[in-house]
Amino acid sequence: MEWITEKIAVGDQIDASDEKHLISKGITHILNVIDNVDKEFKHLKYVKIPWYDKKSSDMLDEAINYIYEAVKEGKVLVFCGVCVDRSPTTVLAYLDRIGFGVLEAWQFIKNKHREASPHPEWIKMIRSGLP
């Protein structure tokens, strides 16, 4: 798990497997952006908004809105399978939405999580603007 901002972390499905550890880190919300993993949490707010390799701006918009609300209330972990593509890209879209700009957001994430490698097609979609 890597903290991108003081309220947003990205991680993989292993990071999302220990509720007590997440709570000890201050996590209050979980955003799962992969389809093939389901988690259950007793004390954390959890939503699953999976996205696929096909473009889906509605899904990404829903994920951005969840992050926006989560950081108002606490801290959020955005996770995917191995934390290379989907979770960093989702956070990149959120940062772009709040005013960073795509390139600045990408550099900001890369400085915090070197393994991040968003898919070029998703970067193009984010650059073109989401609803």
N, C-alpha and C. Protein backbone atom coordinates (compact mmCIF):
# COMPACT_ATOMS: atom_id res chain seq x y z
N MET A 1 0.86 -1.18 0.00
CA MET A 1 0.00 0.00 0.00
C MET A 1 0.90 1.23 0.00
N GLU A 2 0.57 2.15 -0.90
CA GLU A 2 1.33 3.40 -1.01
C GLU A 2 0.37 4.57 -0.86
N TRP A 3 0.75 5.53 -0.04
CA TRP A 3 -0.06 6.74 0.12
C TRP A 3 0.25 7.70 -1.02
N ILE A 4 -0.77 8.10 -1.76
CA ILE A 4 -0.61 9.07 -2.84
C ILE A 4 -0.81 10.48 -2.29
N THR A 5 -1.84 10.64 -1.47
CA THR A 5 -2.04 11.88 -0.72
C THR A 5 -2.21 11.46 0.74
N GLU A 6 -2.41 12.39 1.62
CA GLU A 6 -2.58 12.01 3.03
C GLU A 6 -3.90 11.29 3.28
N LYS A 7 -4.82 11.33 2.28
CA LYS A 7 -6.10 10.67 2.45
C LYS A 7 -6.40 9.59 1.42
N ILE A 8 -5.51 9.38 0.47
CA ILE A 8 -5.74 8.40 -0.60
C ILE A 8 -4.52 7.48 -0.73
N ALA A 9 -4.78 6.18 -0.61
CA ALA A 9 -3.73 5.18 -0.81
C ALA A 9 -4.14 4.27 -1.96
N VAL A 10 -3.16 3.71 -2.64
CA VAL A 10 -3.41 2.68 -3.64
C VAL A 10 -2.78 1.39 -3.14
N GLY A 11 -3.38 0.28 -3.56
CA GLY A 11 -2.83 -1.00 -3.15
C GLY A 11 -3.36 -2.13 -4.00
N ASP A 12 -2.93 -3.33 -3.62
CA ASP A 12 -3.37 -4.52 -4.35
C ASP A 12 -4.35 -5.31 -3.47
N GLN A 13 -4.79 -6.44 -3.98
CA GLN A 13 -5.79 -7.21 -3.25
C GLN A 13 -5.24 -7.77 -1.93
N ILE A 14 -3.95 -7.96 -1.83
CA ILE A 14 -3.36 -8.39 -0.56
C ILE A 14 -3.45 -7.27 0.47
N ASP A 15 -3.16 -6.03 0.04
CA ASP A 15 -3.27 -4.88 0.94
C ASP A 15 -4.69 -4.75 1.50
N ALA A 16 -5.66 -5.13 0.70
CA ALA A 16 -7.07 -4.99 1.10
C ALA A 16 -7.58 -6.18 1.89
N SER A 17 -6.70 -7.07 2.31
CA SER A 17 -7.17 -8.30 2.95
C SER A 17 -7.15 -8.27 4.48
N ASP A 18 -6.55 -7.26 5.08
CA ASP A 18 -6.44 -7.22 6.54
C ASP A 18 -7.13 -5.98 7.08
N GLU A 19 -8.38 -6.15 7.48
CA GLU A 19 -9.18 -5.01 7.93
C GLU A 19 -8.55 -4.31 9.15
N LYS A 20 -8.05 -5.06 10.10
CA LYS A 20 -7.44 -4.45 11.29
C LYS A 20 -6.25 -3.57 10.92
N HIS A 21 -5.42 -4.06 10.00
CA HIS A 21 -4.27 -3.28 9.55
C HIS A 21 -4.72 -1.99 8.85
N LEU A 22 -5.73 -2.11 8.00
CA LEU A 22 -6.24 -0.93 7.30
C LEU A 22 -6.77 0.10 8.29
N ILE A 23 -7.51 -0.35 9.27
CA ILE A 23 -8.04 0.57 10.28
C ILE A 23 -6.90 1.22 11.06
N SER A 24 -5.85 0.46 11.34
CA SER A 24 -4.71 1.03 12.07
C SER A 24 -4.00 2.11 11.26
N LYS A 25 -4.13 2.06 9.95
CA LYS A 25 -3.54 3.08 9.07
C LYS A 25 -4.50 4.25 8.83
N GLY A 26 -5.69 4.18 9.43
CA GLY A 26 -6.65 5.26 9.30
C GLY A 26 -7.62 5.13 8.14
N ILE A 27 -7.56 4.01 7.44
CA ILE A 27 -8.46 3.79 6.30
C ILE A 27 -9.90 3.67 6.82
N THR A 28 -10.81 4.39 6.18
CA THR A 28 -12.23 4.33 6.53
C THR A 28 -13.09 3.82 5.38
N HIS A 29 -12.54 3.91 4.15
CA HIS A 29 -13.28 3.55 2.94
C HIS A 29 -12.39 2.69 2.04
N ILE A 30 -13.02 1.78 1.34
CA ILE A 30 -12.33 0.93 0.37
C ILE A 30 -13.04 1.07 -0.98
N LEU A 31 -12.25 1.22 -2.03
CA LEU A 31 -12.76 1.21 -3.40
C LEU A 31 -12.06 0.09 -4.16
N ASN A 32 -12.83 -0.92 -4.54
CA ASN A 32 -12.33 -2.06 -5.30
C ASN A 32 -12.64 -1.81 -6.77
N VAL A 33 -11.61 -1.76 -7.63
CA VAL A 33 -11.85 -1.48 -9.05
C VAL A 33 -11.61 -2.70 -9.94
N ILE A 34 -11.60 -3.90 -9.33
CA ILE A 34 -11.50 -5.12 -10.15
C ILE A 34 -12.72 -5.99 -9.93
N ASP A 35 -13.02 -6.78 -10.93
CA ASP A 35 -14.26 -7.57 -10.93
C ASP A 35 -14.12 -8.91 -10.23
N ASN A 36 -12.97 -9.53 -10.31
CA ASN A 36 -12.85 -10.93 -9.87
C ASN A 36 -12.52 -11.09 -8.39
N VAL A 37 -12.60 -10.01 -7.61
CA VAL A 37 -12.32 -10.09 -6.17
C VAL A 37 -13.46 -9.45 -5.41
N ASP A 38 -13.96 -10.16 -4.43
CA ASP A 38 -14.98 -9.61 -3.53
C ASP A 38 -14.42 -9.64 -2.12
N LYS A 39 -14.67 -8.59 -1.39
CA LYS A 39 -14.20 -8.50 -0.01
C LYS A 39 -15.38 -8.18 0.89
N GLU A 40 -15.24 -8.52 2.14
CA GLU A 40 -16.24 -8.16 3.14
C GLU A 40 -15.52 -7.47 4.28
N PHE A 41 -16.06 -6.34 4.70
CA PHE A 41 -15.49 -5.59 5.81
C PHE A 41 -16.60 -5.27 6.80
N LYS A 42 -16.30 -5.43 8.08
CA LYS A 42 -17.29 -5.14 9.11
C LYS A 42 -17.29 -3.68 9.52
N HIS A 43 -16.11 -3.04 9.46
CA HIS A 43 -15.98 -1.70 10.02
C HIS A 43 -15.52 -0.65 9.01
N LEU A 44 -15.45 -1.01 7.76
CA LEU A 44 -15.04 -0.07 6.72
C LEU A 44 -16.14 0.06 5.68
N LYS A 45 -16.28 1.25 5.12
CA LYS A 45 -17.22 1.43 4.01
C LYS A 45 -16.54 0.88 2.77
N TYR A 46 -17.29 0.10 2.00
CA TYR A 46 -16.73 -0.62 0.87
C TYR A 46 -17.64 -0.49 -0.34
N VAL A 47 -17.02 -0.24 -1.48
CA VAL A 47 -17.76 -0.27 -2.74
C VAL A 47 -16.89 -0.94 -3.80
N LYS A 48 -17.56 -1.67 -4.65
CA LYS A 48 -16.89 -2.34 -5.77
C LYS A 48 -17.40 -1.69 -7.05
N ILE A 49 -16.47 -1.05 -7.77
CA ILE A 49 -16.80 -0.43 -9.05
C ILE A 49 -15.76 -0.93 -10.06
N PRO A 50 -15.95 -2.15 -10.55
CA PRO A 50 -14.93 -2.73 -11.44
C PRO A 50 -14.89 -2.05 -12.79
N TRP A 51 -13.69 -1.91 -13.31
CA TRP A 51 -13.57 -1.46 -14.68
C TRP A 51 -12.73 -2.44 -15.46
N TYR A 52 -13.04 -2.43 -16.72
CA TYR A 52 -12.50 -3.41 -17.64
C TYR A 52 -11.61 -2.70 -18.64
N ASP A 53 -10.98 -3.47 -19.51
CA ASP A 53 -10.09 -2.87 -20.50
C ASP A 53 -10.84 -2.04 -21.53
N LYS A 54 -12.14 -2.29 -21.66
CA LYS A 54 -12.94 -1.45 -22.54
C LYS A 54 -13.21 -0.13 -21.84
N LYS A 55 -13.27 0.94 -22.61
CA LYS A 55 -13.51 2.26 -22.01
C LYS A 55 -14.88 2.33 -21.37
N SER A 56 -14.93 2.92 -20.20
CA SER A 56 -16.18 3.11 -19.49
C SER A 56 -16.08 4.36 -18.64
N SER A 57 -16.38 5.49 -19.24
CA SER A 57 -16.26 6.75 -18.51
C SER A 57 -17.28 6.83 -17.39
N ASP A 58 -18.44 6.17 -17.52
CA ASP A 58 -19.42 6.18 -16.44
C ASP A 58 -18.87 5.52 -15.19
N MET A 59 -18.19 4.40 -15.36
CA MET A 59 -17.60 3.69 -14.23
C MET A 59 -16.54 4.55 -13.57
N LEU A 60 -15.68 5.15 -14.37
CA LEU A 60 -14.61 5.97 -13.83
C LEU A 60 -15.19 7.20 -13.13
N ASP A 61 -16.22 7.77 -13.67
CA ASP A 61 -16.88 8.92 -13.05
C ASP A 61 -17.47 8.52 -11.69
N GLU A 62 -18.08 7.34 -11.62
CA GLU A 62 -18.63 6.85 -10.36
C GLU A 62 -17.52 6.64 -9.32
N ALA A 63 -16.39 6.10 -9.76
CA ALA A 63 -15.25 5.88 -8.86
C ALA A 63 -14.69 7.21 -8.35
N ILE A 64 -14.58 8.18 -9.23
CA ILE A 64 -14.10 9.51 -8.83
C ILE A 64 -15.02 10.10 -7.78
N ASN A 65 -16.31 10.00 -8.00
CA ASN A 65 -17.28 10.53 -7.04
C ASN A 65 -17.17 9.84 -5.69
N TYR A 66 -16.92 8.53 -5.70
CA TYR A 66 -16.77 7.80 -4.43
C TYR A 66 -15.53 8.30 -3.68
N ILE A 67 -14.42 8.46 -4.38
CA ILE A 67 -13.21 8.97 -3.74
C ILE A 67 -13.46 10.36 -3.17
N TYR A 68 -14.11 11.20 -3.95
CA TYR A 68 -14.41 12.56 -3.50
C TYR A 68 -15.18 12.55 -2.18
N GLU A 69 -16.19 11.71 -2.08
CA GLU A 69 -16.98 11.62 -0.85
C GLU A 69 -16.18 10.97 0.28
N ALA A 70 -15.37 9.96 -0.04
CA ALA A 70 -14.59 9.25 0.97
C ALA A 70 -13.58 10.17 1.66
N VAL A 71 -12.91 11.02 0.89
CA VAL A 71 -11.90 11.89 1.51
C VAL A 71 -12.53 12.99 2.35
N LYS A 72 -13.81 13.26 2.14
CA LYS A 72 -14.52 14.19 3.02
C LYS A 72 -14.70 13.58 4.40
N GLU A 73 -14.89 12.26 4.45
CA GLU A 73 -15.20 11.56 5.69
C GLU A 73 -13.99 10.91 6.35
N GLY A 74 -12.96 10.61 5.58
CA GLY A 74 -11.82 9.89 6.15
C GLY A 74 -10.74 9.64 5.11
N LYS A 75 -10.23 8.40 5.09
CA LYS A 75 -9.17 8.00 4.18
C LYS A 75 -9.63 6.79 3.38
N VAL A 76 -9.15 6.70 2.14
CA VAL A 76 -9.62 5.66 1.24
C VAL A 76 -8.45 4.87 0.65
N LEU A 77 -8.64 3.56 0.56
CA LEU A 77 -7.73 2.69 -0.17
C LEU A 77 -8.42 2.33 -1.48
N VAL A 78 -7.76 2.63 -2.60
CA VAL A 78 -8.23 2.22 -3.92
C VAL A 78 -7.36 1.03 -4.31
N PHE A 79 -8.01 -0.13 -4.53
CA PHE A 79 -7.18 -1.30 -4.84
C PHE A 79 -7.64 -2.02 -6.09
N CYS A 80 -6.66 -2.70 -6.69
CA CYS A 80 -6.91 -3.57 -7.84
C CYS A 80 -6.06 -4.83 -7.64
N GLY A 81 -5.84 -5.58 -8.68
CA GLY A 81 -5.13 -6.84 -8.56
C GLY A 81 -3.70 -6.71 -8.06
N VAL A 82 -2.86 -5.97 -8.77
CA VAL A 82 -1.46 -5.83 -8.39
C VAL A 82 -1.01 -4.38 -8.25
N CYS A 83 -1.94 -3.45 -8.33
CA CYS A 83 -1.67 -2.02 -8.12
C CYS A 83 -0.68 -1.44 -9.13
N VAL A 84 -0.85 -1.82 -10.38
CA VAL A 84 -0.01 -1.26 -11.44
C VAL A 84 -0.82 -0.34 -12.35
N ASP A 85 -2.00 -0.76 -12.73
CA ASP A 85 -2.77 -0.06 -13.75
C ASP A 85 -4.05 0.57 -13.21
N ARG A 86 -5.00 -0.24 -12.81
CA ARG A 86 -6.34 0.25 -12.51
C ARG A 86 -6.42 1.21 -11.32
N SER A 87 -5.88 0.82 -10.17
CA SER A 87 -6.01 1.71 -9.00
C SER A 87 -5.22 3.02 -9.19
N PRO A 88 -3.97 3.00 -9.69
CA PRO A 88 -3.31 4.28 -9.92
C PRO A 88 -4.02 5.14 -10.98
N THR A 89 -4.57 4.51 -12.00
CA THR A 89 -5.29 5.27 -13.03
C THR A 89 -6.55 5.90 -12.47
N THR A 90 -7.23 5.19 -11.59
CA THR A 90 -8.43 5.73 -10.97
C THR A 90 -8.08 6.96 -10.12
N VAL A 91 -7.01 6.87 -9.36
CA VAL A 91 -6.58 8.02 -8.56
C VAL A 91 -6.11 9.16 -9.46
N LEU A 92 -5.45 8.83 -10.55
CA LEU A 92 -5.03 9.85 -11.51
C LEU A 92 -6.25 10.61 -12.03
N ALA A 93 -7.30 9.90 -12.36
CA ALA A 93 -8.53 10.55 -12.86
C ALA A 93 -9.13 11.45 -11.79
N TYR A 94 -9.10 11.00 -10.54
CA TYR A 94 -9.60 11.83 -9.44
C TYR A 94 -8.76 13.10 -9.30
N LEU A 95 -7.44 12.96 -9.29
CA LEU A 95 -6.57 14.13 -9.16
C LEU A 95 -6.76 15.10 -10.32
N ASP A 96 -6.93 14.55 -11.52
CA ASP A 96 -7.21 15.41 -12.67
C ASP A 96 -8.51 16.18 -12.47
N ARG A 97 -9.53 15.50 -11.98
CA ARG A 97 -10.84 16.12 -11.76
C ARG A 97 -10.77 17.27 -10.76
N ILE A 98 -9.91 17.13 -9.75
CA ILE A 98 -9.85 18.19 -8.73
C ILE A 98 -8.84 19.28 -9.09
N GLY A 99 -8.27 19.22 -10.31
CA GLY A 99 -7.48 20.34 -10.79
C GLY A 99 -6.00 20.13 -11.03
N PHE A 100 -5.51 18.91 -10.86
CA PHE A 100 -4.08 18.68 -11.09
C PHE A 100 -3.69 18.79 -12.56
N GLY A 101 -4.50 18.25 -13.44
CA GLY A 101 -4.09 18.05 -14.82
C GLY A 101 -3.47 16.67 -14.94
N VAL A 102 -3.62 16.07 -16.09
CA VAL A 102 -3.20 14.67 -16.27
C VAL A 102 -1.70 14.48 -16.05
N LEU A 103 -0.89 15.29 -16.68
CA LEU A 103 0.56 15.09 -16.58
C LEU A 103 1.07 15.35 -15.17
N GLU A 104 0.57 16.39 -14.53
CA GLU A 104 0.97 16.69 -13.16
C GLU A 104 0.52 15.57 -12.22
N ALA A 105 -0.72 15.08 -12.39
CA ALA A 105 -1.22 13.99 -11.56
C ALA A 105 -0.38 12.73 -11.77
N TRP A 106 -0.05 12.45 -13.02
CA TRP A 106 0.74 11.26 -13.33
C TRP A 106 2.10 11.33 -12.64
N GLN A 107 2.77 12.48 -12.73
CA GLN A 107 4.07 12.63 -12.09
C GLN A 107 3.96 12.53 -10.57
N PHE A 108 2.92 13.11 -10.01
CA PHE A 108 2.68 13.06 -8.58
C PHE A 108 2.53 11.61 -8.11
N ILE A 109 1.74 10.82 -8.83
CA ILE A 109 1.53 9.41 -8.49
C ILE A 109 2.82 8.62 -8.66
N LYS A 110 3.50 8.85 -9.76
CA LYS A 110 4.73 8.11 -10.05
C LYS A 110 5.80 8.36 -8.97
N ASN A 111 5.83 9.57 -8.42
CA ASN A 111 6.78 9.88 -7.35
C ASN A 111 6.47 9.10 -6.07
N LYS A 112 5.21 8.76 -5.87
CA LYS A 112 4.79 8.05 -4.66
C LYS A 112 4.74 6.53 -4.86
N HIS A 113 4.47 6.12 -6.10
CA HIS A 113 4.28 4.68 -6.39
C HIS A 113 4.93 4.37 -7.74
N ARG A 114 6.19 4.03 -7.69
CA ARG A 114 7.00 3.86 -8.91
C ARG A 114 6.49 2.77 -9.86
N GLU A 115 5.80 1.77 -9.33
CA GLU A 115 5.32 0.67 -10.17
C GLU A 115 4.09 1.04 -10.99
N ALA A 116 3.51 2.18 -10.71
CA ALA A 116 2.29 2.59 -11.42
C ALA A 116 2.56 2.71 -12.92
N SER A 117 1.62 2.19 -13.70
CA SER A 117 1.75 2.25 -15.16
C SER A 117 0.36 2.25 -15.79
N PRO A 118 -0.30 3.41 -15.80
CA PRO A 118 -1.65 3.47 -16.37
C PRO A 118 -1.67 3.11 -17.85
N HIS A 119 -2.76 2.53 -18.27
CA HIS A 119 -2.94 2.15 -19.67
C HIS A 119 -3.08 3.41 -20.52
N PRO A 120 -2.36 3.52 -21.63
CA PRO A 120 -2.41 4.72 -22.48
C PRO A 120 -3.82 5.10 -22.96
N GLU A 121 -4.66 4.11 -23.22
CA GLU A 121 -6.02 4.42 -23.67
C GLU A 121 -6.82 5.12 -22.58
N TRP A 122 -6.59 4.73 -21.33
CA TRP A 122 -7.30 5.38 -20.22
C TRP A 122 -6.77 6.80 -20.02
N ILE A 123 -5.49 6.99 -20.22
CA ILE A 123 -4.92 8.34 -20.13
C ILE A 123 -5.55 9.24 -21.20
N LYS A 124 -5.69 8.72 -22.40
CA LYS A 124 -6.34 9.49 -23.47
C LYS A 124 -7.76 9.85 -23.10
N MET A 125 -8.50 8.90 -22.51
CA MET A 125 -9.89 9.17 -22.13
C MET A 125 -9.94 10.24 -21.04
N ILE A 126 -9.05 10.15 -20.08
CA ILE A 126 -9.03 11.15 -19.00
C ILE A 126 -8.66 12.52 -19.58
N ARG A 127 -7.69 12.57 -20.47
CA ARG A 127 -7.29 13.83 -21.09
C ARG A 127 -8.43 14.47 -21.89
N SER A 128 -9.26 13.63 -22.50
CA SER A 128 -10.35 14.16 -23.32
C SER A 128 -11.49 14.69 -22.47
N GLY A 129 -11.43 14.40 -21.18
CA GLY A 129 -12.45 14.90 -20.26
C GLY A 129 -13.52 13.85 -19.99
N LEU A 130 -13.87 13.72 -18.75
CA LEU A 130 -14.92 12.80 -18.33
C LEU A 130 -16.19 13.60 -18.09
N PRO A 131 -17.32 12.91 -18.10
CA PRO A 131 -18.57 13.63 -17.85
C PRO A 131 -18.57 14.35 -16.50
